[in-house]
Amino acid sequence: MNQYFLLNKSYVNGEWVEGETGRIYNGLNSFDDTKVSNISIASKAQLDSAFEAASEAQKEWAKNAELRKPVIEKVIATLKSTSKKLLMY
């Protein structure tokens, strides 16, 4: 199974949740149009909740570099470890 099929939820207020609309978005590889994921589409209420939570979290995030540092370091490490694979796409 393609690893991207596991990425089928929305991150809302610190949790991975299924979309409430009952609709599915088929994520396609832009290179060859093969399906790489099926994403359960979030409802407007879920989106509103996600934006509200993100807005509140951003206030603390913006004030505290120590919160951002490990996240940025992890992103850099992930990009370095997967750069060859990413370039294949």
PDB file of N, CA and C in Angstrom:
ATOM      1  N   MET A   1       0.845  -1.187   0.000  1.00  0.00           N
ATOM      2  CA  MET A   1       0.000   0.000   0.000  1.00  0.00           C
ATOM      3  C   MET A   1       0.888   1.246   0.000  1.00  0.00           C
ATOM      4  N   ASN A   2       0.489   2.218  -0.744  1.00  0.00           N
ATOM      5  CA  ASN A   2       1.207   3.475  -0.822  1.00  0.00           C
ATOM      6  C   ASN A   2       1.133   4.196   0.524  1.00  0.00           C
ATOM      7  N   GLN A   3       2.282   4.684   0.997  1.00  0.00           N
ATOM      8  CA  GLN A   3       2.331   5.337   2.311  1.00  0.00           C
ATOM      9  C   GLN A   3       1.432   6.558   2.407  1.00  0.00           C
ATOM     10  N   TYR A   4       1.154   7.212   1.289  1.00  0.00           N
ATOM     11  CA  TYR A   4       0.349   8.423   1.320  1.00  0.00           C
ATOM     12  C   TYR A   4      -1.137   8.148   1.543  1.00  0.00           C
ATOM     13  N   PHE A   5      -1.578   6.921   1.367  1.00  0.00           N
ATOM     14  CA  PHE A   5      -2.968   6.602   1.653  1.00  0.00           C
ATOM     15  C   PHE A   5      -3.264   6.707   3.149  1.00  0.00           C
ATOM     16  N   LEU A   6      -2.205   6.695   3.970  1.00  0.00           N
ATOM     17  CA  LEU A   6      -2.399   6.853   5.408  1.00  0.00           C
ATOM     18  C   LEU A   6      -2.660   8.312   5.779  1.00  0.00           C
ATOM     19  N   LEU A   7      -2.349   9.245   4.872  1.00  0.00           N
ATOM     20  CA  LEU A   7      -2.540  10.671   5.126  1.00  0.00           C
ATOM     21  C   LEU A   7      -3.914  11.105   4.630  1.00  0.00           C
ATOM     22  N   ASN A   8      -4.942  10.616   5.274  1.00  0.00           N
ATOM     23  CA  ASN A   8      -6.293  10.845   4.763  1.00  0.00           C
ATOM     24  C   ASN A   8      -7.187  11.602   5.732  1.00  0.00           C
ATOM     25  N   LYS A   9      -6.577  12.275   6.689  1.00  0.00           N
ATOM     26  CA  LYS A   9      -7.367  12.994   7.687  1.00  0.00           C
ATOM     27  C   LYS A   9      -6.929  14.457   7.739  1.00  0.00           C
ATOM     28  N   SER A  10      -7.690  15.246   8.452  1.00  0.00           N
ATOM     29  CA  SER A  10      -7.372  16.662   8.654  1.00  0.00           C
ATOM     30  C   SER A  10      -6.882  16.859  10.088  1.00  0.00           C
ATOM     31  N   TYR A  11      -5.924  17.741  10.250  1.00  0.00           N
ATOM     32  CA  TYR A  11      -5.395  18.055  11.580  1.00  0.00           C
ATOM     33  C   TYR A  11      -6.181  19.238  12.132  1.00  0.00           C
ATOM     34  N   VAL A  12      -7.021  18.981  13.109  1.00  0.00           N
ATOM     35  CA  VAL A  12      -7.902  19.998  13.669  1.00  0.00           C
ATOM     36  C   VAL A  12      -7.687  20.071  15.178  1.00  0.00           C
ATOM     37  N   ASN A  13      -7.208  21.217  15.627  1.00  0.00           N
ATOM     38  CA  ASN A  13      -7.045  21.470  17.060  1.00  0.00           C
ATOM     39  C   ASN A  13      -6.256  20.363  17.764  1.00  0.00           C
ATOM     40  N   GLY A  14      -5.141  19.969  17.158  1.00  0.00           N
ATOM     41  CA  GLY A  14      -4.253  18.990  17.780  1.00  0.00           C
ATOM     42  C   GLY A  14      -4.627  17.535  17.578  1.00  0.00           C
ATOM     43  N   GLU A  15      -5.612  17.265  16.739  1.00  0.00           N
ATOM     44  CA  GLU A  15      -6.037  15.880  16.513  1.00  0.00           C
ATOM     45  C   GLU A  15      -6.206  15.606  15.019  1.00  0.00           C
ATOM     46  N   TRP A  16      -5.912  14.371  14.612  1.00  0.00           N
ATOM     47  CA  TRP A  16      -6.196  13.939  13.247  1.00  0.00           C
ATOM     48  C   TRP A  16      -7.632  13.432  13.225  1.00  0.00           C
ATOM     49  N   VAL A  17      -8.475  14.049  12.401  1.00  0.00           N
ATOM     50  CA  VAL A  17      -9.891  13.697  12.378  1.00  0.00           C
ATOM     51  C   VAL A  17     -10.355  13.397  10.954  1.00  0.00           C
ATOM     52  N   GLU A  18     -11.348  12.546  10.867  1.00  0.00           N
ATOM     53  CA  GLU A  18     -11.988  12.265   9.579  1.00  0.00           C
ATOM     54  C   GLU A  18     -12.838  13.466   9.178  1.00  0.00           C
ATOM     55  N   GLY A  19     -12.851  13.770   7.907  1.00  0.00           N
ATOM     56  CA  GLY A  19     -13.724  14.823   7.425  1.00  0.00           C
ATOM     57  C   GLY A  19     -15.178  14.434   7.610  1.00  0.00           C
ATOM     58  N   GLU A  20     -16.014  15.407   7.908  1.00  0.00           N
ATOM     59  CA  GLU A  20     -17.420  15.136   8.203  1.00  0.00           C
ATOM     60  C   GLU A  20     -18.343  15.260   6.997  1.00  0.00           C
ATOM     61  N   THR A  21     -17.822  15.613   5.830  1.00  0.00           N
ATOM     62  CA  THR A  21     -18.702  15.852   4.687  1.00  0.00           C
ATOM     63  C   THR A  21     -19.141  14.566   3.993  1.00  0.00           C
ATOM     64  N   GLY A  22     -18.398  13.492   4.202  1.00  0.00           N
ATOM     65  CA  GLY A  22     -18.698  12.253   3.482  1.00  0.00           C
ATOM     66  C   GLY A  22     -18.119  12.243   2.072  1.00  0.00           C
ATOM     67  N   ARG A  23     -17.442  13.327   1.704  1.00  0.00           N
ATOM     68  CA  ARG A  23     -16.840  13.414   0.371  1.00  0.00           C
ATOM     69  C   ARG A  23     -15.352  13.075   0.460  1.00  0.00           C
ATOM     70  N   ILE A  24     -14.820  12.565  -0.632  1.00  0.00           N
ATOM     71  CA  ILE A  24     -13.420  12.155  -0.703  1.00  0.00           C
ATOM     72  C   ILE A  24     -12.732  12.913  -1.829  1.00  0.00           C
ATOM     73  N   TYR A  25     -11.530  13.408  -1.541  1.00  0.00           N
ATOM     74  CA  TYR A  25     -10.692  14.030  -2.562  1.00  0.00           C
ATOM     75  C   TYR A  25      -9.622  13.025  -2.938  1.00  0.00           C
ATOM     76  N   ASN A  26      -9.473  12.759  -4.212  1.00  0.00           N
ATOM     77  CA  ASN A  26      -8.436  11.857  -4.687  1.00  0.00           C
ATOM     78  C   ASN A  26      -7.186  12.662  -5.011  1.00  0.00           C
ATOM     79  N   GLY A  27      -6.146  12.512  -4.170  1.00  0.00           N
ATOM     80  CA  GLY A  27      -4.884  13.193  -4.417  1.00  0.00           C
ATOM     81  C   GLY A  27      -4.127  12.472  -5.519  1.00  0.00           C
ATOM     82  N   LEU A  28      -3.702  13.215  -6.534  1.00  0.00           N
ATOM     83  CA  LEU A  28      -3.022  12.618  -7.675  1.00  0.00           C
ATOM     84  C   LEU A  28      -1.564  13.063  -7.739  1.00  0.00           C
ATOM     85  N   ASN A  29      -0.724  12.168  -8.210  1.00  0.00           N
ATOM     86  CA  ASN A  29       0.663  12.486  -8.497  1.00  0.00           C
ATOM     87  C   ASN A  29       0.656  13.358  -9.752  1.00  0.00           C
ATOM     88  N   SER A  30       1.178  14.563  -9.664  1.00  0.00           N
ATOM     89  CA  SER A  30       1.126  15.485 -10.801  1.00  0.00           C
ATOM     90  C   SER A  30       2.006  15.034 -11.963  1.00  0.00           C
ATOM     91  N   PHE A  31       2.920  14.121 -11.704  1.00  0.00           N
ATOM     92  CA  PHE A  31       3.792  13.640 -12.772  1.00  0.00           C
ATOM     93  C   PHE A  31       3.071  12.655 -13.691  1.00  0.00           C
ATOM     94  N   ASP A  32       2.366  11.701 -13.095  1.00  0.00           N
ATOM     95  CA  ASP A  32       1.750  10.666 -13.935  1.00  0.00           C
ATOM     96  C   ASP A  32       0.255  10.446 -13.664  1.00  0.00           C
ATOM     97  N   ASP A  33      -0.342  11.308 -12.863  1.00  0.00           N
ATOM     98  CA  ASP A  33      -1.774  11.239 -12.543  1.00  0.00           C
ATOM     99  C   ASP A  33      -2.209   9.954 -11.843  1.00  0.00           C
ATOM    100  N   THR A  34      -1.281   9.235 -11.226  1.00  0.00           N
ATOM    101  CA  THR A  34      -1.681   8.083 -10.424  1.00  0.00           C
ATOM    102  C   THR A  34      -2.204   8.581  -9.077  1.00  0.00           C
ATOM    103  N   LYS A  35      -3.158   7.867  -8.524  1.00  0.00           N
ATOM    104  CA  LYS A  35      -3.733   8.244  -7.241  1.00  0.00           C
ATOM    105  C   LYS A  35      -2.727   7.936  -6.137  1.00  0.00           C
ATOM    106  N   VAL A  36      -2.459   8.915  -5.278  1.00  0.00           N
ATOM    107  CA  VAL A  36      -1.543   8.708  -4.164  1.00  0.00           C
ATOM    108  C   VAL A  36      -2.237   8.801  -2.812  1.00  0.00           C
ATOM    109  N   SER A  37      -3.463   9.307  -2.789  1.00  0.00           N
ATOM    110  CA  SER A  37      -4.179   9.382  -1.519  1.00  0.00           C
ATOM    111  C   SER A  37      -5.668   9.592  -1.748  1.00  0.00           C
ATOM    112  N   ASN A  38      -6.436   9.200  -0.757  1.00  0.00           N
ATOM    113  CA  ASN A  38      -7.866   9.502  -0.686  1.00  0.00           C
ATOM    114  C   ASN A  38      -8.054  10.317   0.581  1.00  0.00           C
ATOM    115  N   ILE A  39      -8.455  11.559   0.448  1.00  0.00           N
ATOM    116  CA  ILE A  39      -8.547  12.439   1.601  1.00  0.00           C
ATOM    117  C   ILE A  39     -10.012  12.729   1.908  1.00  0.00           C
ATOM    118  N   SER A  40     -10.386  12.431   3.134  1.00  0.00           N
ATOM    119  CA  SER A  40     -11.737  12.698   3.607  1.00  0.00           C
ATOM    120  C   SER A  40     -11.874  14.203   3.821  1.00  0.00           C
ATOM    121  N   ILE A  41     -12.807  14.840   3.126  1.00  0.00           N
ATOM    122  CA  ILE A  41     -12.911  16.299   3.137  1.00  0.00           C
ATOM    123  C   ILE A  41     -13.603  16.796   4.409  1.00  0.00           C
ATOM    124  N   ALA A  42     -12.948  17.770   5.030  1.00  0.00           N
ATOM    125  CA  ALA A  42     -13.473  18.359   6.261  1.00  0.00           C
ATOM    126  C   ALA A  42     -14.656  19.273   5.968  1.00  0.00           C
ATOM    127  N   SER A  43     -15.506  19.411   6.972  1.00  0.00           N
ATOM    128  CA  SER A  43     -16.665  20.310   6.854  1.00  0.00           C
ATOM    129  C   SER A  43     -16.245  21.748   7.155  1.00  0.00           C
ATOM    130  N   LYS A  44     -17.125  22.692   6.857  1.00  0.00           N
ATOM    131  CA  LYS A  44     -16.865  24.096   7.169  1.00  0.00           C
ATOM    132  C   LYS A  44     -16.667  24.276   8.676  1.00  0.00           C
ATOM    133  N   ALA A  45     -17.459  23.589   9.479  1.00  0.00           N
ATOM    134  CA  ALA A  45     -17.319  23.695  10.935  1.00  0.00           C
ATOM    135  C   ALA A  45     -15.942  23.191  11.381  1.00  0.00           C
ATOM    136  N   GLN A  46     -15.463  22.095  10.767  1.00  0.00           N
ATOM    137  CA  GLN A  46     -14.134  21.592  11.104  1.00  0.00           C
ATOM    138  C   GLN A  46     -13.053  22.589  10.690  1.00  0.00           C
ATOM    139  N   LEU A  47     -13.212  23.187   9.520  1.00  0.00           N
ATOM    140  CA  LEU A  47     -12.249  24.195   9.068  1.00  0.00           C
ATOM    141  C   LEU A  47     -12.248  25.405   9.990  1.00  0.00           C
ATOM    142  N   ASP A  48     -13.433  25.863  10.373  1.00  0.00           N
ATOM    143  CA  ASP A  48     -13.524  26.991  11.298  1.00  0.00           C
ATOM    144  C   ASP A  48     -12.816  26.669  12.615  1.00  0.00           C
ATOM    145  N   SER A  49     -13.019  25.461  13.114  1.00  0.00           N
ATOM    146  CA  SER A  49     -12.382  25.028  14.353  1.00  0.00           C
ATOM    147  C   SER A  49     -10.862  24.980  14.197  1.00  0.00           C
ATOM    148  N   ALA A  50     -10.396  24.472  13.063  1.00  0.00           N
ATOM    149  CA  ALA A  50      -8.956  24.385  12.809  1.00  0.00           C
ATOM    150  C   ALA A  50      -8.335  25.773  12.737  1.00  0.00           C
ATOM    151  N   PHE A  51      -8.992  26.698  12.034  1.00  0.00           N
ATOM    152  CA  PHE A  51      -8.459  28.059  11.925  1.00  0.00           C
ATOM    153  C   PHE A  51      -8.463  28.772  13.271  1.00  0.00           C
ATOM    154  N   GLU A  52      -9.502  28.575  14.052  1.00  0.00           N
ATOM    155  CA  GLU A  52      -9.577  29.196  15.382  1.00  0.00           C
ATOM    156  C   GLU A  52      -8.441  28.677  16.265  1.00  0.00           C
ATOM    157  N   ALA A  53      -8.242  27.362  16.280  1.00  0.00           N
ATOM    158  CA  ALA A  53      -7.178  26.767  17.093  1.00  0.00           C
ATOM    159  C   ALA A  53      -5.808  27.246  16.618  1.00  0.00           C
ATOM    160  N   ALA A  54      -5.603  27.297  15.307  1.00  0.00           N
ATOM    161  CA  ALA A  54      -4.322  27.738  14.762  1.00  0.00           C
ATOM    162  C   ALA A  54      -4.058  29.206  15.093  1.00  0.00           C
ATOM    163  N   SER A  55      -5.088  30.015  15.024  1.00  0.00           N
ATOM    164  CA  SER A  55      -4.944  31.434  15.341  1.00  0.00           C
ATOM    165  C   SER A  55      -4.521  31.630  16.787  1.00  0.00           C
ATOM    166  N   GLU A  56      -5.130  30.878  17.692  1.00  0.00           N
ATOM    167  CA  GLU A  56      -4.773  30.973  19.108  1.00  0.00           C
ATOM    168  C   GLU A  56      -3.363  30.440  19.359  1.00  0.00           C
ATOM    169  N   ALA A  57      -3.023  29.319  18.751  1.00  0.00           N
ATOM    170  CA  ALA A  57      -1.702  28.722  18.943  1.00  0.00           C
ATOM    171  C   ALA A  57      -0.600  29.606  18.371  1.00  0.00           C
ATOM    172  N   GLN A  58      -0.893  30.303  17.281  1.00  0.00           N
ATOM    173  CA  GLN A  58       0.107  31.141  16.632  1.00  0.00           C
ATOM    174  C   GLN A  58       0.575  32.276  17.540  1.00  0.00           C
ATOM    175  N   LYS A  59      -0.293  32.756  18.389  1.00  0.00           N
ATOM    176  CA  LYS A  59       0.072  33.855  19.287  1.00  0.00           C
ATOM    177  C   LYS A  59       1.240  33.447  20.186  1.00  0.00           C
ATOM    178  N   GLU A  60       1.158  32.270  20.776  1.00  0.00           N
ATOM    179  CA  GLU A  60       2.243  31.764  21.635  1.00  0.00           C
ATOM    180  C   GLU A  60       3.460  31.378  20.799  1.00  0.00           C
ATOM    181  N   TRP A  61       3.209  30.749  19.662  1.00  0.00           N
ATOM    182  CA  TRP A  61       4.272  30.317  18.751  1.00  0.00           C
ATOM    183  C   TRP A  61       5.127  31.513  18.329  1.00  0.00           C
ATOM    184  N   ALA A  62       4.499  32.625  18.001  1.00  0.00           N
ATOM    185  CA  ALA A  62       5.210  33.807  17.526  1.00  0.00           C
ATOM    186  C   ALA A  62       6.102  34.412  18.615  1.00  0.00           C
ATOM    187  N   LYS A  63       5.698  34.271  19.871  1.00  0.00           N
ATOM    188  CA  LYS A  63       6.444  34.864  20.976  1.00  0.00           C
ATOM    189  C   LYS A  63       7.606  34.003  21.455  1.00  0.00           C
ATOM    190  N   ASN A  64       7.635  32.716  21.095  1.00  0.00           N
ATOM    191  CA  ASN A  64       8.557  31.791  21.741  1.00  0.00           C
ATOM    192  C   ASN A  64       9.397  31.011  20.719  1.00  0.00           C
ATOM    193  N   ALA A  65      10.621  31.466  20.513  1.00  0.00           N
ATOM    194  CA  ALA A  65      11.518  30.792  19.567  1.00  0.00           C
ATOM    195  C   ALA A  65      11.855  29.374  20.017  1.00  0.00           C
ATOM    196  N   GLU A  66      11.852  29.131  21.318  1.00  0.00           N
ATOM    197  CA  GLU A  66      12.164  27.788  21.822  1.00  0.00           C
ATOM    198  C   GLU A  66      11.100  26.765  21.399  1.00  0.00           C
ATOM    199  N   LEU A  67       9.871  27.205  21.223  1.00  0.00           N
ATOM    200  CA  LEU A  67       8.832  26.309  20.710  1.00  0.00           C
ATOM    201  C   LEU A  67       9.081  25.965  19.246  1.00  0.00           C
ATOM    202  N   ARG A  68       9.543  26.943  18.483  1.00  0.00           N
ATOM    203  CA  ARG A  68       9.740  26.755  17.040  1.00  0.00           C
ATOM    204  C   ARG A  68      10.991  25.956  16.712  1.00  0.00           C
ATOM    205  N   LYS A  69      12.028  26.101  17.503  1.00  0.00           N
ATOM    206  CA  LYS A  69      13.325  25.502  17.186  1.00  0.00           C
ATOM    207  C   LYS A  69      13.264  23.996  16.918  1.00  0.00           C
ATOM    208  N   PRO A  70      12.696  23.169  17.797  1.00  0.00           N
ATOM    209  CA  PRO A  70      12.690  21.728  17.515  1.00  0.00           C
ATOM    210  C   PRO A  70      11.861  21.363  16.280  1.00  0.00           C
ATOM    211  N   VAL A  71      10.826  22.120  16.010  1.00  0.00           N
ATOM    212  CA  VAL A  71      10.001  21.853  14.834  1.00  0.00           C
ATOM    213  C   VAL A  71      10.801  22.145  13.567  1.00  0.00           C
ATOM    214  N   ILE A  72      11.465  23.288  13.547  1.00  0.00           N
ATOM    215  CA  ILE A  72      12.278  23.662  12.384  1.00  0.00           C
ATOM    216  C   ILE A  72      13.423  22.664  12.198  1.00  0.00           C
ATOM    217  N   GLU A  73      14.045  22.258  13.283  1.00  0.00           N
ATOM    218  CA  GLU A  73      15.134  21.275  13.188  1.00  0.00           C
ATOM    219  C   GLU A  73      14.632  19.938  12.631  1.00  0.00           C
ATOM    220  N   LYS A  74      13.441  19.534  13.030  1.00  0.00           N
ATOM    221  CA  LYS A  74      12.878  18.288  12.522  1.00  0.00           C
ATOM    222  C   LYS A  74      12.557  18.403  11.030  1.00  0.00           C
ATOM    223  N   VAL A  75      12.021  19.545  10.616  1.00  0.00           N
ATOM    224  CA  VAL A  75      11.740  19.760   9.195  1.00  0.00           C
ATOM    225  C   VAL A  75      13.027  19.676   8.388  1.00  0.00           C
ATOM    226  N   ILE A  76      14.080  20.332   8.867  1.00  0.00           N
ATOM    227  CA  ILE A  76      15.368  20.309   8.168  1.00  0.00           C
ATOM    228  C   ILE A  76      15.904  18.888   8.079  1.00  0.00           C
ATOM    229  N   ALA A  77      15.861  18.153   9.181  1.00  0.00           N
ATOM    230  CA  ALA A  77      16.360  16.768   9.180  1.00  0.00           C
ATOM    231  C   ALA A  77      15.556  15.891   8.229  1.00  0.00           C
ATOM    232  N   THR A  78      14.240  16.072   8.228  1.00  0.00           N
ATOM    233  CA  THR A  78      13.389  15.284   7.329  1.00  0.00           C
ATOM    234  C   THR A  78      13.684  15.607   5.875  1.00  0.00           C
ATOM    235  N   LEU A  79      13.836  16.882   5.563  1.00  0.00           N
ATOM    236  CA  LEU A  79      14.155  17.268   4.185  1.00  0.00           C
ATOM    237  C   LEU A  79      15.506  16.701   3.757  1.00  0.00           C
ATOM    238  N   LYS A  80      16.481  16.745   4.646  1.00  0.00           N
ATOM    239  CA  LYS A  80      17.800  16.189   4.314  1.00  0.00           C
ATOM    240  C   LYS A  80      17.726  14.686   4.086  1.00  0.00           C
ATOM    241  N   SER A  81      16.983  13.987   4.931  1.00  0.00           N
ATOM    242  CA  SER A  81      16.933  12.528   4.830  1.00  0.00           C
ATOM    243  C   SER A  81      16.072  12.033   3.672  1.00  0.00           C
ATOM    244  N   THR A  82      15.188  12.886   3.173  1.00  0.00           N
ATOM    245  CA  THR A  82      14.295  12.460   2.088  1.00  0.00           C
ATOM    246  C   THR A  82      14.513  13.229   0.794  1.00  0.00           C
ATOM    247  N   SER A  83      15.554  14.052   0.746  1.00  0.00           N
ATOM    248  CA  SER A  83      15.723  14.920  -0.423  1.00  0.00           C
ATOM    249  C   SER A  83      15.834  14.147  -1.742  1.00  0.00           C
ATOM    250  N   LYS A  84      16.562  13.040  -1.740  1.00  0.00           N
ATOM    251  CA  LYS A  84      16.673  12.263  -2.974  1.00  0.00           C
ATOM    252  C   LYS A  84      15.314  11.712  -3.404  1.00  0.00           C
ATOM    253  N   LYS A  85      14.562  11.233  -2.440  1.00  0.00           N
ATOM    254  CA  LYS A  85      13.244  10.698  -2.739  1.00  0.00           C
ATOM    255  C   LYS A  85      12.307  11.790  -3.238  1.00  0.00           C
ATOM    256  N   LEU A  86      12.373  12.972  -2.610  1.00  0.00           N
ATOM    257  CA  LEU A  86      11.533  14.085  -3.027  1.00  0.00           C
ATOM    258  C   LEU A  86      11.862  14.527  -4.446  1.00  0.00           C
ATOM    259  N   LEU A  87      13.131  14.502  -4.801  1.00  0.00           N
ATOM    260  CA  LEU A  87      13.536  14.923  -6.134  1.00  0.00           C
ATOM    261  C   LEU A  87      13.043  13.970  -7.219  1.00  0.00           C
ATOM    262  N   MET A  88      12.729  12.733  -6.844  1.00  0.00           N
ATOM    263  CA  MET A  88      12.214  11.769  -7.806  1.00  0.00           C
ATOM    264  C   MET A  88      10.816  12.168  -8.285  1.00  0.00           C
ATOM    265  N   TYR A  89      10.090  12.918  -7.485  1.00  0.00           N
ATOM    266  CA  TYR A  89       8.736  13.326  -7.838  1.00  0.00           C
ATOM    267  C   TYR A  89       8.807  14.606  -8.585  1.00  0.00           C
TER     268      TYR A  89
END
